[in-house]
Every structure is written in structure tokens, then in C-alpha cells.
C-alpha atoms as a PDB file:
ATOM      1  CA  MET A   1      12.953  -4.913  81.468  1.00  0.00           C
ATOM      2  CA  MET A   2      12.867  -1.303  82.613  1.00  0.00           C
ATOM      3  CA  VAL A   3      14.432   1.644  80.773  1.00  0.00           C
ATOM      4  CA  VAL A   4      15.447   4.728  82.722  1.00  0.00           C
ATOM      5  CA  GLY A   5      15.882   8.192  81.355  1.00  0.00           C
ATOM      6  CA  ARG A   6      19.584   8.725  80.805  1.00  0.00           C
ATOM      7  CA  LYS A   7      20.148   9.696  77.180  1.00  0.00           C
ATOM      8  CA  VAL A   8      23.444  10.377  75.425  1.00  0.00           C
ATOM      9  CA  GLU A   9      23.345  12.240  72.125  1.00  0.00           C
ATOM     10  CA  GLU A  10      25.498  10.707  69.417  1.00  0.00           C
ATOM     11  CA  GLU A  11      27.261  12.681  66.670  1.00  0.00           C
ATOM     12  CA  GLU A  12      24.709  11.576  64.102  1.00  0.00           C
ATOM     13  CA  GLY A  13      21.880  12.866  66.304  1.00  0.00           C
ATOM     14  CA  GLU A  14      20.585   9.526  67.594  1.00  0.00           C
ATOM     15  CA  TYR A  15      20.109   8.606  71.238  1.00  0.00           C
ATOM     16  CA  ASN A  16      21.209   5.625  73.318  1.00  0.00           C
ATOM     17  CA  GLN A  17      19.204   4.612  76.357  1.00  0.00           C
ATOM     18  CA  MET A  18      20.634   3.058  79.490  1.00  0.00           C
ATOM     19  CA  LYS A  19      18.713  -0.139  80.209  1.00  0.00           C
ATOM     20  CA  VAL A  20      18.100  -1.512  83.704  1.00  0.00           C
ATOM     21  CA  GLU A  21      16.902  -5.049  84.319  1.00  0.00           C
ATOM     22  CA  ILE A  22      15.989  -6.270  87.815  1.00  0.00           C
ATOM     23  CA  ASN A  23      17.654  -9.655  88.237  1.00  0.00           C
ATOM     24  CA  ASP A  24      16.832 -10.633  91.828  1.00  0.00           C
ATOM     25  CA  PHE A  25      15.615  -9.302  95.176  1.00  0.00           C
ATOM     26  CA  ASP A  26      16.600 -11.225  98.299  1.00  0.00           C
ATOM     27  CA  LYS A  27      14.103 -10.111 100.943  1.00  0.00           C
ATOM     28  CA  LYS A  28      15.948 -11.916 103.744  1.00  0.00           C
ATOM     29  CA  LEU A  29      19.235 -10.134 103.020  1.00  0.00           C
ATOM     30  CA  ASN A  30      17.444  -6.964 101.821  1.00  0.00           C
ATOM     31  CA  LYS A  31      19.633  -7.123  98.708  1.00  0.00           C
ATOM     32  CA  LEU A  32      18.733  -6.052  95.179  1.00  0.00           C
ATOM     33  CA  THR A  33      20.601  -7.322  92.115  1.00  0.00           C
ATOM     34  CA  PHE A  34      20.133  -5.555  88.799  1.00  0.00           C
ATOM     35  CA  ILE A  35      21.836  -5.351  85.409  1.00  0.00           C
ATOM     36  CA  VAL A  36      22.665  -2.050  83.707  1.00  0.00           C
ATOM     37  CA  SER A  37      23.458  -1.955  79.982  1.00  0.00           C
ATOM     38  CA  ASP A  38      24.905   0.690  77.659  1.00  0.00           C
ATOM     39  CA  ILE A  39      27.027   2.552  80.205  1.00  0.00           C
ATOM     40  CA  ASN A  40      30.790   2.937  80.679  1.00  0.00           C
ATOM     41  CA  PRO A  41      33.020   2.172  83.712  1.00  0.00           C
ATOM     42  CA  SER A  42      33.022   5.823  84.848  1.00  0.00           C
ATOM     43  CA  PHE A  43      29.239   5.971  85.020  1.00  0.00           C
ATOM     44  CA  ALA A  44      29.065   2.581  86.763  1.00  0.00           C
ATOM     45  CA  ASN A  45      31.434   3.825  89.449  1.00  0.00           C
ATOM     46  CA  ALA A  46      29.481   7.068  89.739  1.00  0.00           C
ATOM     47  CA  ILE A  47      26.349   5.063  90.569  1.00  0.00           C
ATOM     48  CA  ARG A  48      28.256   3.120  93.241  1.00  0.00           C
ATOM     49  CA  ARG A  49      29.688   6.269  94.824  1.00  0.00           C
ATOM     50  CA  LEU A  50      26.303   8.016  94.820  1.00  0.00           C
ATOM     51  CA  ILE A  51      24.651   5.064  96.577  1.00  0.00           C
ATOM     52  CA  VAL A  52      27.287   4.824  99.304  1.00  0.00           C
ATOM     53  CA  SER A  53      28.037   8.516  99.811  1.00  0.00           C
ATOM     54  CA  GLU A  54      25.149  10.702  98.678  1.00  0.00           C
ATOM     55  CA  VAL A  55      21.865   8.993  99.648  1.00  0.00           C
ATOM     56  CA  PRO A  56      20.626  10.590 102.921  1.00  0.00           C
ATOM     57  CA  THR A  57      19.429   8.572 105.915  1.00  0.00           C
ATOM     58  CA  MET A  58      18.533   9.338 109.522  1.00  0.00           C
ATOM     59  CA  ALA A  59      21.046   8.770 112.317  1.00  0.00           C
ATOM     60  CA  ILE A  60      21.597  10.068 115.834  1.00  0.00           C
ATOM     61  CA  GLU A  61      23.912  13.081 115.794  1.00  0.00           C
ATOM     62  CA  ASP A  62      23.586  14.719 119.243  1.00  0.00           C
ATOM     63  CA  VAL A  63      23.216  12.922 122.578  1.00  0.00           C
ATOM     64  CA  GLU A  64      22.354  14.503 125.924  1.00  0.00           C
ATOM     65  CA  ILE A  65      23.187  12.051 128.707  1.00  0.00           C
ATOM     66  CA  ARG A  66      21.284  12.992 131.859  1.00  0.00           C
ATOM     67  CA  LYS A  67      22.126   9.880 133.864  1.00  0.00           C
ATOM     68  CA  ASN A  68      24.716   7.194 133.240  1.00  0.00           C
ATOM     69  CA  SER A  69      25.931   4.897 135.994  1.00  0.00           C
ATOM     70  CA  SER A  70      26.646   2.009 133.606  1.00  0.00           C
ATOM     71  CA  ILE A  71      30.080   0.511 133.001  1.00  0.00           C
ATOM     72  CA  LEU A  72      30.465   2.500 129.755  1.00  0.00           C
ATOM     73  CA  TYR A  73      31.751   6.059 129.501  1.00  0.00           C
ATOM     74  CA  ASP A  74      29.341   8.669 128.149  1.00  0.00           C
ATOM     75  CA  GLU A  75      31.335   8.856 124.906  1.00  0.00           C
ATOM     76  CA  MET A  76      30.982   5.105 124.298  1.00  0.00           C
ATOM     77  CA  VAL A  77      27.228   5.180 124.903  1.00  0.00           C
ATOM     78  CA  ALA A  78      26.869   8.091 122.462  1.00  0.00           C
ATOM     79  CA  HIS A  79      29.032   6.302 119.893  1.00  0.00           C
ATOM     80  CA  ARG A  80      26.898   3.154 120.080  1.00  0.00           C
ATOM     81  CA  LEU A  81      23.703   5.167 119.708  1.00  0.00           C
ATOM     82  CA  GLY A  82      25.058   6.959 116.653  1.00  0.00           C
ATOM     83  CA  LEU A  83      25.772   3.718 114.835  1.00  0.00           C
ATOM     84  CA  ILE A  84      22.240   2.306 115.211  1.00  0.00           C
ATOM     85  CA  PRO A  85      20.540   2.298 111.764  1.00  0.00           C
ATOM     86  CA  LEU A  86      17.198   4.122 111.852  1.00  0.00           C
ATOM     87  CA  THR A  87      14.353   3.600 109.405  1.00  0.00           C
ATOM     88  CA  THR A  88      14.126   6.723 107.271  1.00  0.00           C
ATOM     89  CA  ASP A  89      11.226   8.697 105.830  1.00  0.00           C
ATOM     90  CA  LEU A  90      12.794  10.870 103.136  1.00  0.00           C
ATOM     91  CA  LYS A  91       9.499  12.651 102.417  1.00  0.00           C
ATOM     92  CA  ALA A  92       9.142  13.946 105.981  1.00  0.00           C
ATOM     93  CA  TYR A  93      12.625  15.353 106.647  1.00  0.00           C
ATOM     94  CA  ASN A  94      15.113  17.698 105.012  1.00  0.00           C
ATOM     95  CA  LEU A  95      18.861  17.894 105.193  1.00  0.00           C
ATOM     96  CA  GLN A  96      19.645  20.666 107.665  1.00  0.00           C
ATOM     97  CA  ASN A  97      21.546  22.725 105.102  1.00  0.00           C
ATOM     98  CA  GLU A  98      18.488  22.584 102.822  1.00  0.00           C
ATOM     99  CA  CYS A  99      15.838  23.186 105.490  1.00  0.00           C
ATOM    100  CA  THR A 100      13.804  26.382 105.769  1.00  0.00           C
ATOM    101  CA  CYS A 101      15.094  26.807 109.329  1.00  0.00           C
ATOM    102  CA  LYS A 102      18.617  27.215 107.859  1.00  0.00           C
ATOM    103  CA  GLY A 103      20.094  24.540 110.109  1.00  0.00           C
ATOM    104  CA  VAL A 104      18.778  25.865 113.422  1.00  0.00           C
ATOM    105  CA  GLY A 105      16.799  22.678 113.960  1.00  0.00           C
ATOM    106  CA  CYS A 106      13.065  22.186 113.522  1.00  0.00           C
ATOM    107  CA  ALA A 107      10.518  19.407 113.128  1.00  0.00           C
ATOM    108  CA  LYS A 108      11.305  19.228 109.403  1.00  0.00           C
ATOM    109  CA  CYS A 109      14.977  18.370 109.892  1.00  0.00           C
ATOM    110  CA  THR A 110      15.399  16.965 113.432  1.00  0.00           C
ATOM    111  CA  LEU A 111      13.824  14.211 115.510  1.00  0.00           C
ATOM    112  CA  LYS A 112      13.972  13.629 119.263  1.00  0.00           C
ATOM    113  CA  LEU A 113      14.480  10.150 120.708  1.00  0.00           C
ATOM    114  CA  THR A 114      14.627   9.173 124.381  1.00  0.00           C
ATOM    115  CA  LEU A 115      15.919   6.240 126.378  1.00  0.00           C
ATOM    116  CA  SER A 116      15.281   5.523 130.057  1.00  0.00           C
ATOM    117  CA  ALA A 117      16.336   2.262 131.723  1.00  0.00           C
ATOM    118  CA  LYS A 118      17.150   0.914 135.185  1.00  0.00           C
ATOM    119  CA  GLY A 119      19.101  -2.212 136.088  1.00  0.00           C
ATOM    120  CA  PRO A 120      19.250  -5.080 136.248  1.00  0.00           C
ATOM    121  CA  LYS A 121      18.553  -4.969 132.520  1.00  0.00           C
ATOM    122  CA  ILE A 122      20.113  -5.539 129.112  1.00  0.00           C
ATOM    123  CA  VAL A 123      19.475  -2.298 127.257  1.00  0.00           C
ATOM    124  CA  THR A 124      18.789  -2.709 123.539  1.00  0.00           C
ATOM    125  CA  ALA A 125      17.585  -0.518 120.693  1.00  0.00           C
ATOM    126  CA  ALA A 126      14.036  -1.569 121.555  1.00  0.00           C
ATOM    127  CA  ASP A 127      14.288   0.706 124.614  1.00  0.00           C
ATOM    128  CA  ILE A 128      14.704   3.766 122.398  1.00  0.00           C
ATOM    129  CA  LYS A 129      11.468   5.739 122.090  1.00  0.00           C
ATOM    130  CA  SER A 130      10.973   7.851 118.967  1.00  0.00           C
ATOM    131  CA  LYS A 131       8.539  10.738 118.574  1.00  0.00           C
ATOM    132  CA  ASP A 132       8.016   9.650 114.958  1.00  0.00           C
ATOM    133  CA  PRO A 133       6.746   6.052 114.552  1.00  0.00           C
ATOM    134  CA  LYS A 134       8.187   5.978 111.008  1.00  0.00           C
ATOM    135  CA  VAL A 135      11.721   6.559 112.301  1.00  0.00           C
ATOM    136  CA  LYS A 136      12.902   3.866 114.703  1.00  0.00           C
ATOM    137  CA  PRO A 137      15.809   1.415 115.125  1.00  0.00           C
ATOM    138  CA  VAL A 138      16.007  -1.130 112.302  1.00  0.00           C
ATOM    139  CA  ASP A 139      17.145  -3.910 114.647  1.00  0.00           C
ATOM    140  CA  LYS A 140      15.381  -3.864 118.015  1.00  0.00           C
ATOM    141  CA  ASP A 141      17.868  -6.415 119.406  1.00  0.00           C
ATOM    142  CA  HIS A 142      20.853  -4.129 118.813  1.00  0.00           C
ATOM    143  CA  LEU A 143      22.755  -4.293 122.136  1.00  0.00           C
ATOM    144  CA  LEU A 144      23.714  -1.041 123.886  1.00  0.00           C
ATOM    145  CA  VAL A 145      24.795  -1.893 127.433  1.00  0.00           C
ATOM    146  CA  LYS A 146      24.108  -4.215 130.343  1.00  0.00           C
ATOM    147  CA  LEU A 147      22.921  -2.494 133.513  1.00  0.00           C
ATOM    148  CA  LEU A 148      23.481  -4.086 136.910  1.00  0.00           C
ATOM    149  CA  GLU A 149      21.378  -3.599 140.037  1.00  0.00           C
ATOM    150  CA  GLY A 150      21.219   0.097 140.890  1.00  0.00           C
ATOM    151  CA  GLN A 151      22.646   1.284 137.564  1.00  0.00           C
ATOM    152  CA  GLU A 152      20.658   3.710 135.436  1.00  0.00           C
ATOM    153  CA  LEU A 153      20.661   5.287 131.981  1.00  0.00           C
ATOM    154  CA  GLU A 154      18.649   8.313 130.899  1.00  0.00           C
ATOM    155  CA  ILE A 155      19.211   9.900 127.495  1.00  0.00           C
ATOM    156  CA  GLU A 156      17.676  12.354 125.036  1.00  0.00           C
ATOM    157  CA  ALA A 157      19.072  12.168 121.510  1.00  0.00           C
ATOM    158  CA  THR A 158      18.578  14.121 118.290  1.00  0.00           C
ATOM    159  CA  ALA A 159      18.558  12.393 114.907  1.00  0.00           C
ATOM    160  CA  ILE A 160      19.068  14.220 111.620  1.00  0.00           C
ATOM    161  CA  LEU A 161      19.434  13.400 107.947  1.00  0.00           C
ATOM    162  CA  GLY A 162      22.989  13.046 106.705  1.00  0.00           C
ATOM    163  CA  VAL A 163      25.041  11.410 103.949  1.00  0.00           C
ATOM    164  CA  GLY A 164      27.762   8.776 103.970  1.00  0.00           C
ATOM    165  CA  LYS A 165      30.502  11.106 102.742  1.00  0.00           C
ATOM    166  CA  GLU A 166      30.137  13.007 106.039  1.00  0.00           C
ATOM    167  CA  HIS A 167      30.082   9.885 108.262  1.00  0.00           C
ATOM    168  CA  VAL A 168      29.576   6.183 107.620  1.00  0.00           C
ATOM    169  CA  LYS A 169      26.634   6.085 110.078  1.00  0.00           C
ATOM    170  CA  TRP A 170      24.568   7.805 107.358  1.00  0.00           C
ATOM    171  CA  SER A 171      25.530   5.372 104.615  1.00  0.00           C
ATOM    172  CA  PRO A 172      22.409   3.440 103.510  1.00  0.00           C
ATOM    173  CA  GLY A 173      24.110   0.201 102.603  1.00  0.00           C
ATOM    174  CA  HIS A 174      26.787  -1.667 100.709  1.00  0.00           C
ATOM    175  CA  THR A 175      27.036  -1.881  96.928  1.00  0.00           C
ATOM    176  CA  ILE A 176      29.331  -3.547  94.417  1.00  0.00           C
ATOM    177  CA  TYR A 177      29.345  -3.859  90.643  1.00  0.00           C
ATOM    178  CA  ARG A 178      31.164  -6.103  88.189  1.00  0.00           C
ATOM    179  CA  TYR A 179      31.380  -6.681  84.457  1.00  0.00           C
ATOM    180  CA  TYR A 180      28.605  -8.809  83.001  1.00  0.00           C
ATOM    181  CA  PRO A 181      30.386 -12.169  82.612  1.00  0.00           C
ATOM    182  CA  THR A 182      30.552 -14.594  79.710  1.00  0.00           C
ATOM    183  CA  VAL A 183      31.960 -18.047  80.501  1.00  0.00           C
ATOM    184  CA  LYS A 184      32.782 -20.358  77.593  1.00  0.00           C
ATOM    185  CA  ILE A 185      34.099 -23.898  77.754  1.00  0.00           C
ATOM    186  CA  GLY A 186      36.294 -24.836  74.827  1.00  0.00           C
ATOM    187  CA  LYS A 187      38.210 -28.094  75.125  1.00  0.00           C
ATOM    188  CA  GLN A 188      36.898 -30.187  78.016  1.00  0.00           C
ATOM    189  CA  PRO A 189      39.340 -30.216  80.974  1.00  0.00           C
ATOM    190  CA  LYS A 190      40.627 -33.571  82.221  1.00  0.00           C
ATOM    191  CA  ASN A 191      39.411 -32.909  85.787  1.00  0.00           C
ATOM    192  CA  PRO A 192      35.887 -31.393  85.519  1.00  0.00           C
ATOM    193  CA  GLU A 193      34.907 -32.274  89.104  1.00  0.00           C
ATOM    194  CA  ALA A 194      37.983 -30.500  90.459  1.00  0.00           C
ATOM    195  CA  ILE A 195      37.149 -27.367  88.455  1.00  0.00           C
ATOM    196  CA  LYS A 196      33.574 -27.432  89.713  1.00  0.00           C
ATOM    197  CA  GLU A 197      34.770 -27.651  93.331  1.00  0.00           C
ATOM    198  CA  LEU A 198      37.420 -24.980  92.731  1.00  0.00           C
ATOM    199  CA  CYS A 199      34.798 -22.366  91.833  1.00  0.00           C
ATOM    200  CA  ALA A 200      33.533 -20.725  95.023  1.00  0.00           C
ATOM    201  CA  PHE A 201      30.499 -19.224  93.283  1.00  0.00           C
ATOM    202  CA  ASP A 202      28.817 -22.369  91.907  1.00  0.00           C
ATOM    203  CA  VAL A 203      29.268 -21.357  88.260  1.00  0.00           C
ATOM    204  CA  PHE A 204      29.912 -24.858  86.924  1.00  0.00           C
ATOM    205  CA  ASP A 205      28.216 -28.225  86.911  1.00  0.00           C
ATOM    206  CA  VAL A 206      29.300 -31.690  85.767  1.00  0.00           C
ATOM    207  CA  LYS A 207      26.968 -33.932  83.812  1.00  0.00           C
ATOM    208  CA  GLY A 208      28.002 -37.157  82.126  1.00  0.00           C
ATOM    209  CA  GLY A 209      31.604 -36.470  83.023  1.00  0.00           C
ATOM    210  CA  LYS A 210      31.603 -33.136  81.180  1.00  0.00           C
ATOM    211  CA  LEU A 211      31.920 -29.640  82.596  1.00  0.00           C
ATOM    212  CA  SER A 212      29.074 -27.217  81.843  1.00  0.00           C
ATOM    213  CA  VAL A 213      28.134 -23.656  82.820  1.00  0.00           C
ATOM    214  CA  LYS A 214      25.245 -23.605  85.314  1.00  0.00           C
ATOM    215  CA  ASN A 215      25.176 -20.104  86.869  1.00  0.00           C
ATOM    216  CA  GLU A 216      27.040 -17.786  84.514  1.00  0.00           C
ATOM    217  CA  LEU A 217      25.937 -14.578  86.272  1.00  0.00           C
ATOM    218  CA  ASN A 218      27.544 -15.795  89.518  1.00  0.00           C
ATOM    219  CA  CYS A 219      31.005 -15.412  87.962  1.00  0.00           C
ATOM    220  CA  THR A 220      33.105 -12.686  89.629  1.00  0.00           C
ATOM    221  CA  HIS A 221      36.057 -12.850  87.193  1.00  0.00           C
ATOM    222  CA  CYS A 222      38.350 -14.267  89.892  1.00  0.00           C
ATOM    223  CA  ASN A 223      39.992 -16.489  87.208  1.00  0.00           C
ATOM    224  CA  ALA A 224      40.580 -19.321  89.672  1.00  0.00           C
ATOM    225  CA  CYS A 225      39.378 -21.747  87.000  1.00  0.00           C
ATOM    226  CA  THR A 226      41.455 -20.365  84.113  1.00  0.00           C
ATOM    227  CA  ASP A 227      44.634 -20.101  86.213  1.00  0.00           C
ATOM    228  CA  VAL A 228      44.856 -23.888  86.687  1.00  0.00           C
ATOM    229  CA  LEU A 229      43.867 -24.872  83.144  1.00  0.00           C
ATOM    230  CA  LYS A 230      45.501 -24.766  79.760  1.00  0.00           C
ATOM    231  CA  GLU A 231      44.717 -21.884  77.445  1.00  0.00           C
ATOM    232  CA  GLY A 232      41.478 -22.380  75.552  1.00  0.00           C
ATOM    233  CA  GLU A 233      39.813 -24.800  77.953  1.00  0.00           C
ATOM    234  CA  ILE A 234      37.782 -22.108  79.734  1.00  0.00           C
ATOM    235  CA  GLU A 235      37.454 -18.486  78.641  1.00  0.00           C
ATOM    236  CA  VAL A 236      36.046 -15.831  80.990  1.00  0.00           C
ATOM    237  CA  THR A 237      35.338 -12.384  79.570  1.00  0.00           C
ATOM    238  CA  GLY A 238      33.466  -9.299  80.711  1.00  0.00           C
ATOM    239  CA  ASP A 239      31.412  -6.696  78.864  1.00  0.00           C
ATOM    240  CA  ASP A 240      32.591  -3.162  79.746  1.00  0.00           C
ATOM    241  CA  THR A 241      29.241  -1.694  78.660  1.00  0.00           C
ATOM    242  CA  LYS A 242      27.127  -3.982  80.841  1.00  0.00           C
ATOM    243  CA  TYR A 243      27.344  -4.374  84.638  1.00  0.00           C
ATOM    244  CA  ILE A 244      25.814  -6.386  87.445  1.00  0.00           C
ATOM    245  CA  PHE A 245      25.075  -4.307  90.554  1.00  0.00           C
ATOM    246  CA  GLU A 246      24.315  -5.635  94.022  1.00  0.00           C
ATOM    247  CA  VAL A 247      22.844  -3.215  96.575  1.00  0.00           C
ATOM    248  CA  GLU A 248      22.467  -4.479 100.137  1.00  0.00           C
ATOM    249  CA  SER A 249      20.598  -2.130 102.486  1.00  0.00           C
ATOM    250  CA  TRP A 250      21.377  -1.717 106.188  1.00  0.00           C
ATOM    251  CA  GLY A 251      17.627  -1.298 106.670  1.00  0.00           C
ATOM    252  CA  GLN A 252      17.121   2.465 106.717  1.00  0.00           C
ATOM    253  CA  LEU A 253      15.710   2.401 103.182  1.00  0.00           C
ATOM    254  CA  GLU A 254      14.610  -0.287 100.754  1.00  0.00           C
ATOM    255  CA  PRO A 255      17.283  -1.124  98.107  1.00  0.00           C
ATOM    256  CA  LYS A 256      15.081   0.108  95.254  1.00  0.00           C
ATOM    257  CA  GLU A 257      14.506   3.389  97.119  1.00  0.00           C
ATOM    258  CA  ILE A 258      18.266   3.760  97.609  1.00  0.00           C
ATOM    259  CA  VAL A 259      18.956   3.402  93.880  1.00  0.00           C
ATOM    260  CA  GLU A 260      16.119   5.755  92.898  1.00  0.00           C
ATOM    261  CA  LYS A 261      17.342   8.389  95.363  1.00  0.00           C
ATOM    262  CA  ALA A 262      20.918   8.034  94.105  1.00  0.00           C
ATOM    263  CA  ILE A 263      19.783   8.734  90.546  1.00  0.00           C
ATOM    264  CA  SER A 264      17.685  11.672  91.794  1.00  0.00           C
ATOM    265  CA  VAL A 265      20.736  13.148  93.549  1.00  0.00           C
ATOM    266  CA  TYR A 266      22.803  12.649  90.408  1.00  0.00           C
ATOM    267  CA  LYS A 267      20.259  14.498  88.261  1.00  0.00           C
ATOM    268  CA  ALA A 268      20.175  17.366  90.783  1.00  0.00           C
ATOM    269  CA  LYS A 269      23.978  17.627  90.702  1.00  0.00           C
ATOM    270  CA  LEU A 270      23.999  17.715  86.897  1.00  0.00           C
ATOM    271  CA  LYS A 271      21.334  20.423  86.901  1.00  0.00           C
ATOM    272  CA  GLU A 272      23.328  22.492  89.412  1.00  0.00           C
ATOM    273  CA  PHE A 273      26.491  22.059  87.346  1.00  0.00           C
ATOM    274  CA  ASP A 274      24.668  23.107  84.189  1.00  0.00           C
ATOM    275  CA  THR A 275      23.263  26.202  85.921  1.00  0.00           C
ATOM    276  CA  LYS A 276      26.666  27.275  87.256  1.00  0.00           C
ATOM    277  CA  LEU A 277      28.307  26.597  83.902  1.00  0.00           C
ATOM    278  CA  LYS A 278      25.850  28.929  82.163  1.00  0.00           C
END
């Protein structure tokens, strides 16, 4: 178990610590599941909003199209380029409004990418050439356009750091949270197999003709099981001080890096608020 440094001072002078426990990391889906204890719903939602809206990533912002004889309009080509997730090196780049160049554009806040292709060819993200090997398309097979014989595409693009609240192309991933579930079986239902099949999240199992709880943490509080049963047969409750988070990255950053950056942004915002309040 890991404890992070959020502390809330109680009236009697004692401190509570928010506890974070890593539950699972699915490398194939690039999804991190963790459990946070000793927080309230407002703070849980703040974490979710910070992850989706405030964690910076790289994305293409400006596109100079020098040649385009493909079937797509220039605007459509630019739109497709902008939505390609790019691997992000947060240590190497600044947000433009925080850069020493004051947003003019320099090597610390902008990156040039080029694309040159002639038909017949299926143009994918693999054809994009980046001047920084650490910043490149996450999915090389991402389809852009199909060029026929004689058609040509030549582009220079500029990528910058941005955040999801400005445009979804900068959002680092998808995140949800839910109450930590407790599933209790009271009186055994008459149709345990039907209840097991009714649950879409594989919470229950049937052994010896009796219903049992197999994967309690899978429960999403949908109440499909309790809605078809008599009161007291199955009880599903949630702890409003303990939450299960799932963070699925689009590939720009690792899920753990996304969460750590979200907390870093939150601390910076609190420090700024404290300074302005004083």
C-alpha cells in the first residue's frame, strides 16, 4: 500500500492521510486501477476532472499544407492530424503560456513534424516524421488518407503542449471512479444461476447450488441483481470515503504518470490560491 501526502487537519489537531492502493495494471489496455481511501466525493471528482482536463500532452495545433491533391479537403487532413495521439515528454516541453519565450514559439514549447507522400499509397501516422524521437504518433497504423496514382501530400505541422479543457485532442485518457462496493448475500435466492448470468460484471459464482460472491470489486452498483430479488436476499452498498479509480491512457503518457501529474497540478493550483488569498 502507498500513502500520498494529502493531509487534513482535524479539530483536535490530528491528521488523516489519504491512502492509495494499486489494484491492477492492464498493460494491454494501458489501464491502471487503484483504490483511494479517506476522501470525500468532492475530492474524488476533483481527481477525475484534473486527469481529464488538466494533464498536458502534445498534439498537433498548426498545419501548413504545401501540397494536397488527395480526395480530402485541407481542413479534413488538418483535423485528422490534430487528433493523432503523440507520445509526450513532459520534462522537455513547456506550456506556451508558461514558456520563457512568452508564447512566441521555441524549441522548449513547440515541435515540428513533417509528412511527405506520393500515391498510390495508404498514408498512415507512420509516415509522420518528428524532429524529436521521444514525441511520435502512438499508433503508427492510424489511417490518414488513401492516395491514388499521381496524388500527393506534403505537410509541415507544429505540435505543442495543451490540456483537455482547451480541446479534447490534449486529453491524456479516460477515467472513471465508483464507490468501493460491498456485496452481501443474505437469504439464498431461488434462482442462483439466473442471478449469476444476470450480472454483466462476473461478480457472482454458484457452487453446490448456492450463490456466492466471487469478484466483489467488479460491482458497479447497477443493482440489476437486487432489482429482481426480494429485499434482504442481496445487499449492495458503497463506501463514500473509499473509491475505485480506473485510468485508461490514450498512449501519450503512462497511466501512473497521468495520475502523478494530475496531483502535481492540483498542488500547484492550491499553492496559487493560497498565495492570492494572502
